PDB file of all heavy atoms in Angstrom:
ATOM      1  N   LEU A   1     395.883 155.273  80.988  1.00  0.00           N
ATOM      2  CA  LEU A   1     394.779 156.047  80.424  1.00  0.00           C
ATOM      3  C   LEU A   1     395.205 157.452  80.010  1.00  0.00           C
ATOM      4  O   LEU A   1     394.850 157.919  78.930  1.00  0.00           O
ATOM      5  CB  LEU A   1     393.620 156.119  81.415  1.00  0.00           C
ATOM      6  CG  LEU A   1     392.863 154.812  81.629  1.00  0.00           C
ATOM      7  CD1 LEU A   1     391.815 154.984  82.710  1.00  0.00           C
ATOM      8  CD2 LEU A   1     392.249 154.334  80.346  1.00  0.00           C
ATOM      9  N   ILE A   2     395.974 158.116  80.844  1.00  0.00           N
ATOM     10  CA  ILE A   2     396.456 159.461  80.497  1.00  0.00           C
ATOM     11  C   ILE A   2     397.361 159.391  79.273  1.00  0.00           C
ATOM     12  O   ILE A   2     397.285 160.234  78.373  1.00  0.00           O
ATOM     13  CB  ILE A   2     397.168 160.119  81.693  1.00  0.00           C
ATOM     14  CG1 ILE A   2     396.163 160.396  82.809  1.00  0.00           C
ATOM     15  CG2 ILE A   2     397.874 161.407  81.275  1.00  0.00           C
ATOM     16  CD1 ILE A   2     396.792 160.853  84.108  1.00  0.00           C
ATOM     17  N   GLY A   3     398.221 158.381  79.211  1.00  0.00           N
ATOM     18  CA  GLY A   3     399.097 158.208  78.056  1.00  0.00           C
ATOM     19  C   GLY A   3     398.320 157.961  76.773  1.00  0.00           C
ATOM     20  O   GLY A   3     398.629 158.538  75.730  1.00  0.00           O
ATOM     21  N   LEU A   4     397.300 157.113  76.843  1.00  0.00           N
ATOM     22  CA  LEU A   4     396.488 156.834  75.663  1.00  0.00           C
ATOM     23  C   LEU A   4     395.703 158.062  75.207  1.00  0.00           C
ATOM     24  O   LEU A   4     395.630 158.347  74.008  1.00  0.00           O
ATOM     25  CB  LEU A   4     395.519 155.681  75.945  1.00  0.00           C
ATOM     26  CG  LEU A   4     396.143 154.292  76.007  1.00  0.00           C
ATOM     27  CD1 LEU A   4     395.113 153.273  76.470  1.00  0.00           C
ATOM     28  CD2 LEU A   4     396.721 153.905  74.666  1.00  0.00           C
ATOM     29  N   ILE A   5     395.137 158.786  76.147  1.00  0.00           N
ATOM     30  CA  ILE A   5     394.388 159.998  75.793  1.00  0.00           C
ATOM     31  C   ILE A   5     395.316 161.025  75.152  1.00  0.00           C
ATOM     32  O   ILE A   5     394.976 161.632  74.130  1.00  0.00           O
ATOM     33  CB  ILE A   5     393.674 160.582  77.023  1.00  0.00           C
ATOM     34  CG1 ILE A   5     392.540 159.652  77.446  1.00  0.00           C
ATOM     35  CG2 ILE A   5     393.149 161.991  76.748  1.00  0.00           C
ATOM     36  CD1 ILE A   5     391.939 159.980  78.794  1.00  0.00           C
ATOM     37  N   ALA A   6     396.494 161.225  75.726  1.00  0.00           N
ATOM     38  CA  ALA A   6     397.452 162.181  75.166  1.00  0.00           C
ATOM     39  C   ALA A   6     397.872 161.758  73.760  1.00  0.00           C
ATOM     40  O   ALA A   6     397.936 162.587  72.844  1.00  0.00           O
ATOM     41  CB  ALA A   6     398.667 162.308  76.072  1.00  0.00           C
ATOM     42  N   LEU A   7     398.144 160.480  73.579  1.00  0.00           N
ATOM     43  CA  LEU A   7     398.574 159.988  72.268  1.00  0.00           C
ATOM     44  C   LEU A   7     397.463 160.115  71.227  1.00  0.00           C
ATOM     45  O   LEU A   7     397.699 160.596  70.113  1.00  0.00           O
ATOM     46  CB  LEU A   7     399.025 158.530  72.375  1.00  0.00           C
ATOM     47  CG  LEU A   7     399.595 157.898  71.120  1.00  0.00           C
ATOM     48  CD1 LEU A   7     400.850 158.644  70.663  1.00  0.00           C
ATOM     49  CD2 LEU A   7     399.913 156.442  71.364  1.00  0.00           C
ATOM     50  N   ILE A   8     396.260 159.739  71.580  1.00  0.00           N
ATOM     51  CA  ILE A   8     395.141 159.803  70.627  1.00  0.00           C
ATOM     52  C   ILE A   8     394.818 161.244  70.246  1.00  0.00           C
ATOM     53  O   ILE A   8     394.628 161.557  69.073  1.00  0.00           O
ATOM     54  CB  ILE A   8     393.909 159.082  71.201  1.00  0.00           C
ATOM     55  CG1 ILE A   8     394.169 157.583  71.241  1.00  0.00           C
ATOM     56  CG2 ILE A   8     392.656 159.386  70.374  1.00  0.00           C
ATOM     57  CD1 ILE A   8     393.147 156.790  72.027  1.00  0.00           C
ATOM     58  N   THR A   9     394.779 162.138  71.227  1.00  0.00           N
ATOM     59  CA  THR A   9     394.483 163.536  70.896  1.00  0.00           C
ATOM     60  C   THR A   9     395.610 164.152  70.081  1.00  0.00           C
ATOM     61  O   THR A   9     395.364 164.976  69.204  1.00  0.00           O
ATOM     62  CB  THR A   9     394.221 164.382  72.160  1.00  0.00           C
ATOM     63  OG1 THR A   9     395.362 164.325  73.016  1.00  0.00           O
ATOM     64  CG2 THR A   9     392.989 163.918  72.892  1.00  0.00           C
ATOM     65  N   GLY A  10     396.840 163.755  70.349  1.00  0.00           N
ATOM     66  CA  GLY A  10     397.963 164.255  69.565  1.00  0.00           C
ATOM     67  C   GLY A  10     397.933 163.769  68.124  1.00  0.00           C
ATOM     68  O   GLY A  10     398.228 164.510  67.203  1.00  0.00           O
ATOM     69  N   LEU A  11     397.558 162.522  67.939  1.00  0.00           N
ATOM     70  CA  LEU A  11     397.508 161.965  66.588  1.00  0.00           C
ATOM     71  C   LEU A  11     396.338 162.515  65.781  1.00  0.00           C
ATOM     72  O   LEU A  11     396.460 162.732  64.573  1.00  0.00           O
ATOM     73  CB  LEU A  11     397.432 160.436  66.650  1.00  0.00           C
ATOM     74  CG  LEU A  11     398.689 159.727  67.147  1.00  0.00           C
ATOM     75  CD1 LEU A  11     398.421 158.235  67.309  1.00  0.00           C
ATOM     76  CD2 LEU A  11     399.857 159.965  66.211  1.00  0.00           C
ATOM     77  N   THR A  12     395.206 162.730  66.427  1.00  0.00           N
ATOM     78  CA  THR A  12     394.030 163.226  65.701  1.00  0.00           C
ATOM     79  C   THR A  12     394.020 164.743  65.553  1.00  0.00           C
ATOM     80  O   THR A  12     393.393 165.276  64.640  1.00  0.00           O
ATOM     81  CB  THR A  12     392.727 162.799  66.393  1.00  0.00           C
ATOM     82  OG1 THR A  12     392.691 163.345  67.708  1.00  0.00           O
ATOM     83  CG2 THR A  12     392.596 161.295  66.441  1.00  0.00           C
ATOM     84  N   GLY A  13     394.681 165.449  66.471  1.00  0.00           N
ATOM     85  CA  GLY A  13     394.686 166.910  66.421  1.00  0.00           C
ATOM     86  C   GLY A  13     393.430 167.527  66.993  1.00  0.00           C
ATOM     87  O   GLY A  13     393.171 168.710  66.811  1.00  0.00           O
ATOM     88  N   PHE A  14     392.629 166.733  67.685  1.00  0.00           N
ATOM     89  CA  PHE A  14     391.381 167.223  68.259  1.00  0.00           C
ATOM     90  C   PHE A  14     391.342 166.930  69.753  1.00  0.00           C
ATOM     91  O   PHE A  14     391.578 165.810  70.185  1.00  0.00           O
ATOM     92  CB  PHE A  14     390.179 166.543  67.592  1.00  0.00           C
ATOM     93  CG  PHE A  14     388.860 166.938  68.188  1.00  0.00           C
ATOM     94  CD1 PHE A  14     388.296 168.156  67.875  1.00  0.00           C
ATOM     95  CD2 PHE A  14     388.197 166.109  69.067  1.00  0.00           C
ATOM     96  CE1 PHE A  14     387.085 168.533  68.428  1.00  0.00           C
ATOM     97  CE2 PHE A  14     386.991 166.468  69.619  1.00  0.00           C
ATOM     98  CZ  PHE A  14     386.430 167.686  69.303  1.00  0.00           C
ATOM     99  N   CYS A  15     391.018 167.959  70.530  1.00  0.00           N
ATOM    100  CA  CYS A  15     390.869 167.818  71.976  1.00  0.00           C
ATOM    101  C   CYS A  15     389.463 168.272  72.360  1.00  0.00           C
ATOM    102  O   CYS A  15     389.082 169.419  72.114  1.00  0.00           O
ATOM    103  CB  CYS A  15     391.912 168.654  72.705  1.00  0.00           C
ATOM    104  SG  CYS A  15     391.754 168.597  74.506  1.00  0.00           S
ATOM    105  N   ALA A  16     388.699 167.368  72.957  1.00  0.00           N
ATOM    106  CA  ALA A  16     387.322 167.678  73.337  1.00  0.00           C
ATOM    107  C   ALA A  16     387.265 168.766  74.410  1.00  0.00           C
ATOM    108  O   ALA A  16     386.349 169.597  74.397  1.00  0.00           O
ATOM    109  CB  ALA A  16     386.622 166.418  73.831  1.00  0.00           C
ATOM    110  N   ILE A  17     388.211 168.793  75.303  1.00  0.00           N
ATOM    111  CA  ILE A  17     388.229 169.827  76.354  1.00  0.00           C
ATOM    112  C   ILE A  17     388.470 171.195  75.727  1.00  0.00           C
ATOM    113  O   ILE A  17     387.839 172.176  76.121  1.00  0.00           O
ATOM    114  CB  ILE A  17     389.266 169.498  77.431  1.00  0.00           C
ATOM    115  CG1 ILE A  17     388.857 168.208  78.158  1.00  0.00           C
ATOM    116  CG2 ILE A  17     389.419 170.642  78.419  1.00  0.00           C
ATOM    117  CD1 ILE A  17     389.863 167.700  79.153  1.00  0.00           C
ATOM    118  N   TYR A  18     389.379 171.275  74.760  1.00  0.00           N
ATOM    119  CA  TYR A  18     389.592 172.530  74.046  1.00  0.00           C
ATOM    120  C   TYR A  18     388.292 172.981  73.376  1.00  0.00           C
ATOM    121  O   TYR A  18     387.944 174.149  73.380  1.00  0.00           O
ATOM    122  CB  TYR A  18     390.662 172.371  72.971  1.00  0.00           C
ATOM    123  CG  TYR A  18     392.094 172.478  73.432  1.00  0.00           C
ATOM    124  CD1 TYR A  18     392.437 172.497  74.777  1.00  0.00           C
ATOM    125  CD2 TYR A  18     393.126 172.564  72.508  1.00  0.00           C
ATOM    126  CE1 TYR A  18     393.746 172.588  75.179  1.00  0.00           C
ATOM    127  CE2 TYR A  18     394.445 172.659  72.903  1.00  0.00           C
ATOM    128  CZ  TYR A  18     394.750 172.670  74.246  1.00  0.00           C
ATOM    129  OH  TYR A  18     396.057 172.773  74.633  1.00  0.00           O
ATOM    130  N   LYS A  19     387.573 172.030  72.781  1.00  0.00           N
ATOM    131  CA  LYS A  19     386.314 172.347  72.102  1.00  0.00           C
ATOM    132  C   LYS A  19     385.298 172.917  73.086  1.00  0.00           C
ATOM    133  O   LYS A  19     384.638 173.918  72.794  1.00  0.00           O
ATOM    134  CB  LYS A  19     385.770 171.079  71.434  1.00  0.00           C
ATOM    135  CG  LYS A  19     384.467 171.253  70.738  1.00  0.00           C
ATOM    136  CD  LYS A  19     384.666 171.917  69.410  1.00  0.00           C
ATOM    137  CE  LYS A  19     383.381 171.844  68.605  1.00  0.00           C
ATOM    138  NZ  LYS A  19     383.513 172.503  67.342  1.00  0.00           N
ATOM    139  N   LEU A  20     385.169 172.295  74.252  1.00  0.00           N
ATOM    140  CA  LEU A  20     384.229 172.770  75.269  1.00  0.00           C
ATOM    141  C   LEU A  20     384.579 174.169  75.768  1.00  0.00           C
ATOM    142  O   LEU A  20     383.694 174.975  76.047  1.00  0.00           O
ATOM    143  CB  LEU A  20     384.191 171.806  76.453  1.00  0.00           C
ATOM    144  CG  LEU A  20     383.518 170.465  76.214  1.00  0.00           C
ATOM    145  CD1 LEU A  20     383.724 169.558  77.414  1.00  0.00           C
ATOM    146  CD2 LEU A  20     382.048 170.646  75.919  1.00  0.00           C
ATOM    147  N   LEU A  21     385.884 174.446  75.882  1.00  0.00           N
ATOM    148  CA  LEU A  21     386.332 175.747  76.382  1.00  0.00           C
ATOM    149  C   LEU A  21     386.501 176.786  75.282  1.00  0.00           C
ATOM    150  O   LEU A  21     386.780 177.947  75.574  1.00  0.00           O
ATOM    151  CB  LEU A  21     387.654 175.581  77.136  1.00  0.00           C
ATOM    152  CG  LEU A  21     387.599 174.694  78.392  1.00  0.00           C
ATOM    153  CD1 LEU A  21     388.995 174.534  78.978  1.00  0.00           C
ATOM    154  CD2 LEU A  21     386.645 175.293  79.423  1.00  0.00           C
ATOM    155  N   GLY A  22     386.363 176.386  74.023  1.00  0.00           N
ATOM    156  CA  GLY A  22     386.494 177.323  72.915  1.00  0.00           C
ATOM    157  C   GLY A  22     387.941 177.716  72.636  1.00  0.00           C
ATOM    158  O   GLY A  22     388.204 178.791  72.124  1.00  0.00           O
ATOM    159  N   ILE A  23     388.862 176.832  72.949  1.00  0.00           N
ATOM    160  CA  ILE A  23     390.293 177.087  72.770  1.00  0.00           C
ATOM    161  C   ILE A  23     390.766 176.418  71.489  1.00  0.00           C
ATOM    162  O   ILE A  23     390.324 175.323  71.146  1.00  0.00           O
ATOM    163  CB  ILE A  23     391.102 176.538  73.966  1.00  0.00           C
ATOM    164  CG1 ILE A  23     390.680 177.225  75.257  1.00  0.00           C
ATOM    165  CG2 ILE A  23     392.592 176.690  73.731  1.00  0.00           C
ATOM    166  CD1 ILE A  23     391.276 176.604  76.497  1.00  0.00           C
ATOM    167  N   SER A  24     391.688 177.061  70.792  1.00  0.00           N
ATOM    168  CA  SER A  24     392.323 176.445  69.627  1.00  0.00           C
ATOM    169  C   SER A  24     393.760 176.938  69.561  1.00  0.00           C
ATOM    170  O   SER A  24     394.029 178.137  69.594  1.00  0.00           O
ATOM    171  CB  SER A  24     391.589 176.820  68.342  1.00  0.00           C
ATOM    172  OG  SER A  24     392.260 176.266  67.240  1.00  0.00           O
ATOM    173  N   THR A  25     394.708 176.005  69.489  1.00  0.00           N
ATOM    174  CA  THR A  25     396.113 176.368  69.320  1.00  0.00           C
ATOM    175  C   THR A  25     396.558 176.171  67.876  1.00  0.00           C
ATOM    176  O   THR A  25     397.717 176.335  67.558  1.00  0.00           O
ATOM    177  CB  THR A  25     397.007 175.522  70.257  1.00  0.00           C
ATOM    178  OG1 THR A  25     396.837 174.141  69.968  1.00  0.00           O
ATOM    179  CG2 THR A  25     396.678 175.784  71.714  1.00  0.00           C
TER     180      THR A  25
END
């Protein structure tokens, strides 16, 4: 699950946790 989440967020360029915290790299 951690591997899939990391891969999907890396491929899409969107992280929901970053969005909730107002972070953008």
